[in-house]
Protein backbone atom coordinates (compact mmCIF):
# COMPACT_ATOMS: atom_id res chain seq x y z
CA MET A 1 51.68 -10.05 58.96
CA THR A 2 51.65 -11.74 55.56
CA GLY A 3 50.53 -15.32 54.97
CA SER A 4 54.08 -16.63 54.56
CA ALA A 5 55.30 -14.87 57.72
CA GLN A 6 52.38 -16.30 59.70
CA ALA A 7 53.11 -19.79 58.35
CA VAL A 8 56.78 -19.48 59.36
CA ALA A 9 55.77 -18.31 62.85
CA GLU A 10 53.40 -21.27 63.26
CA VAL A 11 56.06 -23.74 62.10
CA ARG A 12 58.60 -22.25 64.49
CA GLU A 13 56.13 -22.45 67.36
CA ARG A 14 55.46 -26.14 66.67
CA GLN A 15 59.19 -26.84 66.34
CA SER A 16 59.84 -25.03 69.60
CA LYS A 17 57.33 -27.28 71.37
CA VAL A 18 58.89 -30.41 69.86
CA PHE A 19 62.43 -29.34 70.75
CA GLY A 20 61.29 -28.40 74.25
CA PHE A 21 59.79 -31.85 74.78
CA TYR A 22 62.90 -33.54 73.37
CA GLY A 23 65.15 -31.47 75.65
CA ARG A 24 63.12 -32.47 78.71
CA PHE A 25 63.25 -36.10 77.60
CA MET A 26 67.05 -35.94 77.26
CA ASP A 27 67.26 -34.55 80.79
CA VAL A 28 65.07 -37.27 82.27
CA VAL A 29 66.14 -40.37 80.32
CA PRO A 30 69.42 -41.12 82.22
CA TYR A 31 67.68 -40.98 85.62
CA LEU A 32 64.73 -43.00 84.32
CA THR A 33 66.88 -45.77 82.82
CA LEU A 34 69.12 -45.87 85.91
CA ALA A 35 66.09 -46.11 88.23
CA VAL A 36 64.50 -48.90 86.15
CA ALA A 37 67.76 -50.85 85.95
CA THR A 38 68.40 -50.50 89.70
CA ALA A 39 64.85 -51.51 90.59
CA LEU A 40 64.91 -54.58 88.32
CA SER A 41 68.32 -55.57 89.66
CA ALA A 42 67.03 -55.41 93.23
CA LEU A 43 63.90 -57.41 92.39
CA ILE A 44 65.22 -60.00 89.97
CA SER A 45 68.97 -60.46 90.27
CA ASP A 46 70.51 -62.71 92.89
CA LEU A 47 73.52 -60.64 93.94
CA GLY A 48 75.62 -61.10 97.00
CA PRO A 49 75.70 -58.42 99.69
CA ALA A 50 79.06 -57.08 98.49
CA ASP A 51 78.00 -56.89 94.83
CA ARG A 52 74.67 -55.34 95.75
CA THR A 53 76.40 -52.70 97.87
CA ALA A 54 78.94 -51.98 95.14
CA SER A 55 76.26 -51.67 92.46
CA ALA A 56 74.25 -49.35 94.72
CA VAL A 57 77.29 -47.13 95.29
CA LEU A 58 78.07 -47.10 91.56
CA SER A 59 74.43 -46.28 90.78
CA ALA A 60 74.60 -43.30 93.13
CA ALA A 61 77.89 -42.27 91.54
CA ALA A 62 76.32 -42.56 88.07
CA ALA A 63 73.37 -40.36 89.16
CA LEU A 64 75.78 -37.72 90.52
CA TRP A 65 77.88 -37.92 87.36
CA VAL A 66 74.81 -37.30 85.22
CA TYR A 67 73.66 -34.44 87.44
CA PHE A 68 76.94 -32.53 87.59
CA GLY A 69 78.22 -33.57 84.18
CA PHE A 70 75.05 -33.15 82.12
CA THR A 71 71.93 -31.80 83.88
CA ARG A 72 73.55 -28.65 85.25
CA MET A 73 75.64 -28.26 82.12
CA SER A 74 72.70 -28.56 79.69
CA ALA A 75 70.86 -25.81 81.55
CA GLU A 76 73.36 -23.32 80.10
CA PRO A 77 73.65 -23.99 76.34
CA PRO A 78 75.64 -24.26 74.20
CA VAL A 79 77.24 -27.35 75.76
CA PRO A 80 81.08 -27.17 75.71
CA LEU A 81 82.36 -29.91 73.41
CA VAL A 82 85.26 -31.01 75.63
CA ARG A 83 83.08 -31.21 78.72
CA MET A 84 80.41 -33.13 76.81
CA THR A 85 83.02 -35.60 75.56
CA VAL A 86 84.36 -36.16 79.09
CA TYR A 87 80.83 -36.63 80.41
CA PHE A 88 79.96 -39.15 77.73
CA ALA A 89 83.16 -41.12 78.32
CA GLY A 90 82.44 -41.28 82.08
CA LEU A 91 78.83 -42.31 81.40
CA THR A 92 80.00 -45.17 79.17
CA VAL A 93 82.63 -46.37 81.67
CA LEU A 94 80.16 -46.29 84.59
CA GLY A 95 77.63 -48.23 82.50
CA PHE A 96 80.26 -50.81 81.57
CA VAL A 97 81.30 -51.31 85.22
CA LEU A 98 77.68 -51.59 86.39
CA MET A 99 77.04 -54.27 83.76
CA ARG A 100 79.90 -56.28 85.22
CA PHE A 101 77.86 -56.56 88.41
CA ASP A 102 74.48 -57.05 86.73
CA MET A 103 73.69 -57.22 82.99
CA LEU A 104 70.35 -55.53 83.66
CA TYR A 105 72.23 -52.24 83.83
CA PHE A 106 72.37 -52.34 80.01
CA ILE A 107 69.09 -50.40 80.34
CA PHE A 108 71.08 -47.50 81.81
CA VAL A 109 73.77 -47.80 79.13
CA ILE A 110 71.08 -47.28 76.45
CA THR A 111 71.17 -43.64 77.55
CA GLY A 112 74.37 -43.38 75.52
CA PHE A 113 72.43 -43.84 72.27
CA PHE A 114 70.47 -40.67 73.05
CA HIS A 115 73.27 -38.56 74.49
CA ALA A 116 75.67 -39.49 71.69
CA GLY A 117 73.62 -37.20 69.47
CA LEU A 118 74.86 -34.24 71.54
CA LEU A 119 78.44 -34.86 70.48
CA ARG A 120 79.91 -32.90 67.59
CA PRO A 121 81.14 -33.19 64.90
CA LEU A 122 79.19 -36.00 63.26
CA TRP A 123 82.03 -38.51 63.38
CA ALA A 124 82.08 -38.06 67.18
CA VAL A 125 78.39 -38.98 67.22
CA VAL A 126 79.14 -42.20 65.32
CA LEU A 127 82.01 -43.05 67.72
CA GLY A 128 79.73 -42.44 70.71
CA ILE A 129 77.05 -44.73 69.27
CA CYS A 130 79.65 -47.39 68.51
CA ALA A 131 81.06 -47.23 72.07
CA THR A 132 77.56 -47.51 73.53
CA SER A 133 76.79 -50.49 71.27
CA LEU A 134 80.02 -52.20 72.33
CA VAL A 135 79.06 -51.88 76.00
CA VAL A 136 75.35 -52.73 75.61
CA ASN A 137 76.09 -55.93 73.68
CA SER A 138 79.22 -56.90 75.64
CA THR A 139 77.42 -59.81 77.30
CA VAL A 140 77.10 -61.49 73.90
CA ALA A 141 80.88 -61.95 73.70
CA GLU A 142 81.45 -63.05 77.30
CA GLU A 143 82.33 -66.51 76.00
CA PRO A 144 85.39 -66.00 73.72
CA THR A 145 84.28 -68.32 70.95
CA ALA A 146 84.64 -67.50 67.26
CA GLU A 147 80.90 -67.67 66.76
CA GLY A 148 80.21 -65.43 69.76
CA VAL A 149 82.75 -62.82 68.63
CA ALA A 150 81.33 -62.87 65.08
CA VAL A 151 77.76 -62.40 66.31
CA TYR A 152 78.93 -59.62 68.64
CA ALA A 153 80.73 -57.82 65.79
CA VAL A 154 77.74 -58.09 63.44
CA ILE A 155 75.35 -56.78 66.10
CA VAL A 156 77.62 -53.84 66.92
CA VAL A 157 78.15 -52.92 63.26
CA ILE A 158 74.48 -53.14 62.31
CA GLN A 159 73.31 -51.32 65.42
CA THR A 160 75.89 -48.56 65.03
CA ALA A 161 75.10 -48.13 61.33
CA ALA A 162 71.33 -48.05 61.84
CA ILE A 163 71.33 -45.56 64.72
CA SER A 164 74.05 -43.43 63.10
CA LEU A 165 72.03 -43.28 59.89
CA GLY A 166 69.11 -41.90 61.88
CA PHE A 167 71.27 -39.16 63.36
CA VAL A 168 72.76 -38.36 59.94
CA MET A 169 69.31 -38.03 58.40
CA ASN A 170 68.16 -35.90 61.32
CA ASP A 171 71.21 -33.66 60.90
CA ARG A 172 70.47 -33.18 57.22
CA MET A 173 66.81 -32.48 57.92
CA GLU A 174 67.87 -29.89 60.47
CA ARG A 175 70.09 -28.22 57.87
CA LEU A 176 67.25 -28.25 55.36
CA ARG A 177 64.93 -26.76 57.96
CA THR A 178 67.42 -23.98 58.66
CA GLN A 179 67.85 -23.28 54.96
CA ARG A 180 64.08 -23.27 54.50
CA GLU A 181 63.65 -20.78 57.34
CA GLU A 182 66.37 -18.57 55.86
CA ALA A 183 64.64 -18.76 52.46
CA PHE A 184 61.30 -17.84 54.08
CA ALA A 185 62.94 -14.92 55.87
CA ALA A 186 64.58 -13.73 52.64
CA ARG A 187 61.28 -14.03 50.78
CA GLU A 188 59.47 -12.11 53.51
CA ALA A 189 62.10 -9.37 53.36
CA ALA A 190 61.74 -9.22 49.58
CA LEU A 191 57.95 -9.00 49.90
CA GLN A 192 58.29 -6.17 52.39
CA GLU A 193 60.70 -4.37 50.08
CA ASN A 194 58.38 -4.89 47.11
CA ALA A 195 55.46 -3.58 49.16
CA GLY A 196 57.45 -0.43 49.92
CA LEU A 197 58.34 0.00 46.27
CA HIS A 198 54.72 -0.52 45.26
CA MET A 199 53.58 2.12 47.73
CA GLN A 200 56.20 4.50 46.33
CA LEU A 201 55.00 3.78 42.81
CA LEU A 202 51.41 4.37 43.88
CA THR A 203 52.34 7.70 45.41
CA GLN A 204 54.14 8.75 42.24
CA ALA A 205 51.25 7.50 40.14
CA ARG A 206 48.78 9.46 42.24
CA GLU A 207 50.82 12.67 41.86
CA ALA A 208 51.20 12.15 38.13
CA GLY A 209 47.53 11.21 37.86
CA VAL A 210 46.48 14.44 39.57
CA LEU A 211 48.49 16.47 37.04
CA ASP A 212 47.10 14.46 34.11
CA GLU A 213 43.59 14.81 35.48
CA ARG A 214 43.99 18.58 35.74
CA GLN A 215 45.27 18.79 32.18
CA ARG A 216 42.47 16.57 30.94
CA MET A 217 39.87 18.59 32.83
CA ALA A 218 41.30 21.79 31.33
CA ARG A 219 40.99 20.32 27.84
CA GLU A 220 37.49 19.05 28.57
CA ILE A 221 36.30 22.42 29.87
CA HIS A 222 37.95 24.30 27.01
CA ASP A 223 36.69 21.98 24.29
CA THR A 224 33.15 21.56 25.59
CA VAL A 225 31.83 23.79 28.35
CA ALA A 226 33.84 26.92 27.49
CA GLN A 227 33.07 26.66 23.80
CA GLY A 228 29.43 26.02 24.60
CA LEU A 229 29.24 29.11 26.80
CA ALA A 230 30.97 31.18 24.11
CA GLY A 231 28.37 29.95 21.62
CA ILE A 232 25.53 30.85 23.99
CA ILE A 233 26.94 34.35 24.44
CA ALA A 234 27.23 34.74 20.67
CA GLN A 235 23.61 33.65 20.17
CA LEU A 236 22.35 36.01 22.87
CA GLN A 237 24.29 38.88 21.37
CA ALA A 238 22.73 38.04 18.01
CA VAL A 239 19.30 38.31 19.64
CA ASP A 240 20.07 41.87 20.74
CA ALA A 241 21.40 42.74 17.28
CA THR A 242 18.18 41.98 15.37
CA ASP A 243 14.58 43.07 15.50
CA ASP A 244 13.33 40.16 13.38
CA GLU A 245 11.21 38.00 15.66
CA VAL A 246 11.92 34.85 13.63
CA GLN A 247 15.68 35.42 13.82
CA ARG A 248 15.45 36.20 17.53
CA ARG A 249 13.56 32.93 18.15
CA ARG A 250 16.08 30.96 16.09
CA HIS A 251 18.99 32.44 18.06
CA LEU A 252 17.23 31.78 21.38
CA ASP A 253 16.53 28.16 20.39
CA SER A 254 20.18 27.75 19.41
CA ALA A 255 21.25 29.22 22.78
CA VAL A 256 18.96 26.78 24.61
CA ASP A 257 20.36 23.83 22.63
CA LEU A 258 23.92 24.92 23.37
CA ALA A 259 23.07 25.32 27.06
CA ARG A 260 21.63 21.79 27.18
CA GLU A 261 24.66 20.35 25.41
CA SER A 262 27.02 22.25 27.73
CA LEU A 263 25.10 21.00 30.76
CA ALA A 264 25.34 17.43 29.51
CA GLU A 265 29.08 17.84 28.89
CA ALA A 266 29.55 19.40 32.32
CA ARG A 267 27.76 16.45 33.97
CA ARG A 268 29.82 13.97 32.00
CA THR A 269 33.01 15.75 33.02
CA VAL A 270 32.01 15.77 36.70
CA GLN A 271 31.19 12.07 36.58
CA ALA A 272 34.63 11.38 35.09
CA ILE A 273 36.46 13.09 37.96
CA GLY A 274 36.25 10.14 40.29
CA PRO A 275 34.51 6.78 40.58
CA PRO A 276 31.85 7.34 43.27
CA THR A 277 30.96 3.64 43.24
CA LEU A 278 34.29 2.86 44.96
CA ASP A 279 33.44 5.06 47.93
CA THR A 280 30.93 2.56 49.30
CA ALA A 281 31.79 -0.72 47.52
CA GLN A 282 34.73 -2.92 46.64
CA LEU A 283 36.01 -3.22 43.11
CA PRO A 284 33.85 -6.24 42.09
CA GLU A 285 30.67 -4.44 43.18
CA ALA A 286 31.80 -1.24 41.42
CA LEU A 287 32.47 -3.16 38.21
CA ALA A 288 29.07 -4.83 38.48
CA GLU A 289 27.36 -1.45 38.83
CA VAL A 290 29.28 0.13 35.95
CA SER A 291 28.75 -2.85 33.64
CA ALA A 292 25.03 -3.05 34.52
CA LYS A 293 24.50 0.63 33.69
CA TRP A 294 26.46 0.30 30.46
CA SER A 295 24.53 -2.84 29.50
CA ALA A 296 21.19 -1.13 30.12
CA ALA A 297 22.21 1.97 28.19
CA HIS A 298 23.49 0.11 25.13
CA GLU A 299 21.30 -3.02 25.30
CA VAL A 300 24.34 -5.29 25.17
CA PRO A 301 24.60 -8.16 27.71
CA VAL A 302 27.67 -8.09 29.98
CA GLU A 303 28.92 -11.11 31.94
CA LEU A 304 31.10 -10.30 34.97
CA VAL A 305 33.16 -13.07 36.61
CA THR A 306 35.37 -12.67 39.71
CA THR A 307 37.93 -15.35 40.58
CA GLY A 308 40.06 -15.66 43.71
CA GLU A 309 39.38 -14.14 47.10
CA ALA A 310 38.22 -10.55 46.70
CA ARG A 311 39.89 -8.20 49.18
CA PRO A 312 40.23 -4.41 49.54
CA MET A 313 43.02 -2.96 47.40
CA HIS A 314 44.78 0.35 47.39
CA PRO A 315 42.44 3.03 45.95
CA GLU A 316 44.84 3.79 43.09
CA VAL A 317 44.78 0.12 42.05
CA GLU A 318 40.99 -0.08 42.10
CA VAL A 319 40.53 3.25 40.32
CA THR A 320 42.96 2.20 37.58
CA LEU A 321 41.15 -1.06 36.86
CA LEU A 322 37.76 0.64 37.00
CA ARG A 323 38.93 3.27 34.50
CA VAL A 324 40.31 0.57 32.19
CA THR A 325 36.93 -1.17 32.30
CA GLN A 326 35.03 2.04 31.60
CA GLU A 327 37.23 2.91 28.61
CA ALA A 328 37.07 -0.64 27.24
CA LEU A 329 33.26 -0.56 27.48
CA THR A 330 33.19 2.88 25.86
CA ASN A 331 35.29 1.61 22.96
CA ALA A 332 33.09 -1.47 22.65
CA ALA A 333 30.04 0.79 22.31
CA LYS A 334 31.57 3.40 20.00
CA HIS A 335 33.75 1.34 17.69
CA ALA A 336 33.25 -2.41 18.13
CA GLY A 337 29.53 -2.85 17.52
CA ALA A 338 29.70 -5.67 20.06
CA GLY A 339 26.77 -7.98 20.71
CA ARG A 340 28.22 -9.43 23.95
CA VAL A 341 30.88 -8.36 26.47
CA GLY A 342 32.68 -10.42 29.11
CA ILE A 343 34.62 -9.05 32.10
CA THR A 344 36.89 -11.21 34.28
CA LEU A 345 38.54 -9.90 37.46
CA SER A 346 41.11 -12.29 38.95
CA TYR A 347 42.53 -11.88 42.47
CA MET A 348 45.90 -13.60 42.77
CA GLU A 349 48.45 -13.63 45.57
CA ASP A 350 50.64 -10.83 44.19
CA GLU A 351 48.67 -9.48 41.24
CA LEU A 352 45.25 -8.45 39.99
CA ALA A 353 44.26 -9.26 36.42
CA LEU A 354 41.42 -7.69 34.46
CA ASP A 355 40.18 -8.94 31.08
CA VAL A 356 37.49 -7.17 29.05
CA ARG A 357 36.37 -9.13 25.97
CA ASP A 358 33.91 -8.22 23.22
CA ASP A 359 32.76 -9.98 20.05
CA GLY A 360 32.78 -6.82 17.95
CA VAL A 361 34.36 -5.97 14.61
CA GLY A 362 37.87 -5.84 16.05
CA PHE A 363 40.79 -3.89 14.61
CA THR A 364 44.49 -4.13 13.93
CA PRO A 365 46.41 -2.95 17.03
CA GLY A 366 48.97 -0.25 16.29
CA ARG A 367 46.98 1.31 13.43
CA THR A 368 44.53 3.28 15.53
CA LYS A 369 44.87 7.01 16.01
CA GLN A 370 44.65 8.63 19.40
CA GLY A 371 41.60 10.85 19.81
CA VAL A 372 42.20 14.55 19.90
CA LYS A 373 39.64 15.23 22.63
CA GLY A 374 39.26 14.04 26.18
CA GLY A 375 38.71 10.48 27.34
CA TYR A 376 40.97 7.61 28.23
CA GLY A 377 42.19 6.16 24.96
CA LEU A 378 44.34 3.05 24.65
CA ALA A 379 47.54 5.05 25.13
CA ALA A 380 46.16 6.73 28.26
CA MET A 381 45.07 3.34 29.67
CA ARG A 382 48.51 1.88 29.11
CA GLN A 383 50.15 4.92 30.68
CA ARG A 384 47.97 4.70 33.78
CA VAL A 385 48.57 0.95 34.21
CA THR A 386 52.34 1.18 33.71
CA ARG A 387 52.54 3.85 36.41
CA LEU A 388 51.58 1.10 38.87
CA ALA A 389 54.35 -1.17 37.52
CA GLY A 390 51.62 -3.11 35.70
CA SER A 391 51.12 -4.10 32.08
CA LEU A 392 48.36 -3.60 29.52
CA SER A 393 47.90 -5.69 26.39
CA ILE A 394 45.42 -5.40 23.51
CA GLU A 395 44.57 -8.47 21.47
CA SER A 396 42.34 -7.94 18.44
CA GLU A 397 41.86 -8.90 14.81
CA PRO A 398 39.41 -7.54 12.25
CA GLY A 399 36.19 -9.51 12.66
CA ARG A 400 37.50 -11.43 15.71
CA GLY A 401 36.63 -9.09 18.58
CA THR A 402 38.93 -7.43 21.10
CA VAL A 403 40.46 -8.38 24.45
CA VAL A 404 41.87 -5.72 26.78
CA SER A 405 44.03 -7.25 29.54
CA ALA A 406 45.49 -5.31 32.48
CA ILE A 407 47.72 -6.75 35.22
CA VAL A 408 48.68 -4.64 38.25
CA PRO A 409 50.35 -5.41 41.62
CA ALA A 410 47.96 -6.56 44.36
CA VAL A 411 48.76 -3.78 46.80
CA GLN A 412 46.24 -3.98 49.61
CA GLY A 413 44.49 -0.92 50.98
CA VAL A 414 46.18 1.22 53.61
CA PRO A 415 43.83 3.09 55.97
CA ASP A 416 45.94 6.27 55.94
CA ALA A 417 46.24 6.18 52.16
CA ALA A 418 42.56 5.53 51.74
């Protein structure tokens, strides 16, 4: 699971807990407010026997109304709109009647502010809040004076507007949350698709790289080892063709020299087949080993810097960047006359970037000629990087040094592919 997918899963889990708690609260709040109102009425209010009996019967009726009209209904979402509207109207009427017996039952009527949020569309929510506010504050306007009516109207308007605004903001936040989740899901799908495309590109690059490697090896063997062996045979044949001891020694010495050169070329070719340092180390360690050996061989200091969190990458990605580094160092030794080299490997979320800098003589890009023999020249480096859907850039000026920059997709290692 990617980082974004894990983040989405964690957010959804937290939201599920919050919504679960809110759902349980909505189920409990009407019974809780009704019980508190009934208890306070019994303890505080001075009602006659008839009023007390009537309020008790109405309280029981309200509890049954909530149970059959809401509790059992909410257990099977989605809640039917018509049934929810009928339930809310009955809840409001029962609350209004109970308040006629005892104003303390306004505590039960407050339930309407919570359950109004279950109405849809939004204008129905506002009407439900307004109806609840009218009932809750009805005691303010019991005396029909102009001042009392004005205060009652102001309270109802302000209360309705404030609570409705909260529901409106919550509705918009819910829409934004849904859109954000959809965007996360779309991004995750795109990342999965890109990962599949990257793996396809890596497979194609590996197949093309095998063919290129075979062709390069054929050229290497033909141009070095095969020619060296042909020269050795010619020298040995010359030994058999002469009786002059001096000439025989000269031909034998030449054969030995050619054999040594051919052996050196053969070893160099074998070392170029694959980067053994990547078999037991990650790319940063492999680059450190390669740069340390190069620095010791050429007596040029190399500074290696790794940024970001290093993590195992697909072998084709690591091999490509290692080869780019090796060729850049080879060019720095052969052509640049560099006195210092810097290597920066940057691990980013979706990409890997490699920069190899030297302070050598530099050159004008585009005016160099590709070598006729083996090796990974600038064109070969660019070809290898572009096979991974990456990019290679060369920045250089005469007397200003050279910077080789490669950027490739950060495709992580796959056990089967490895």
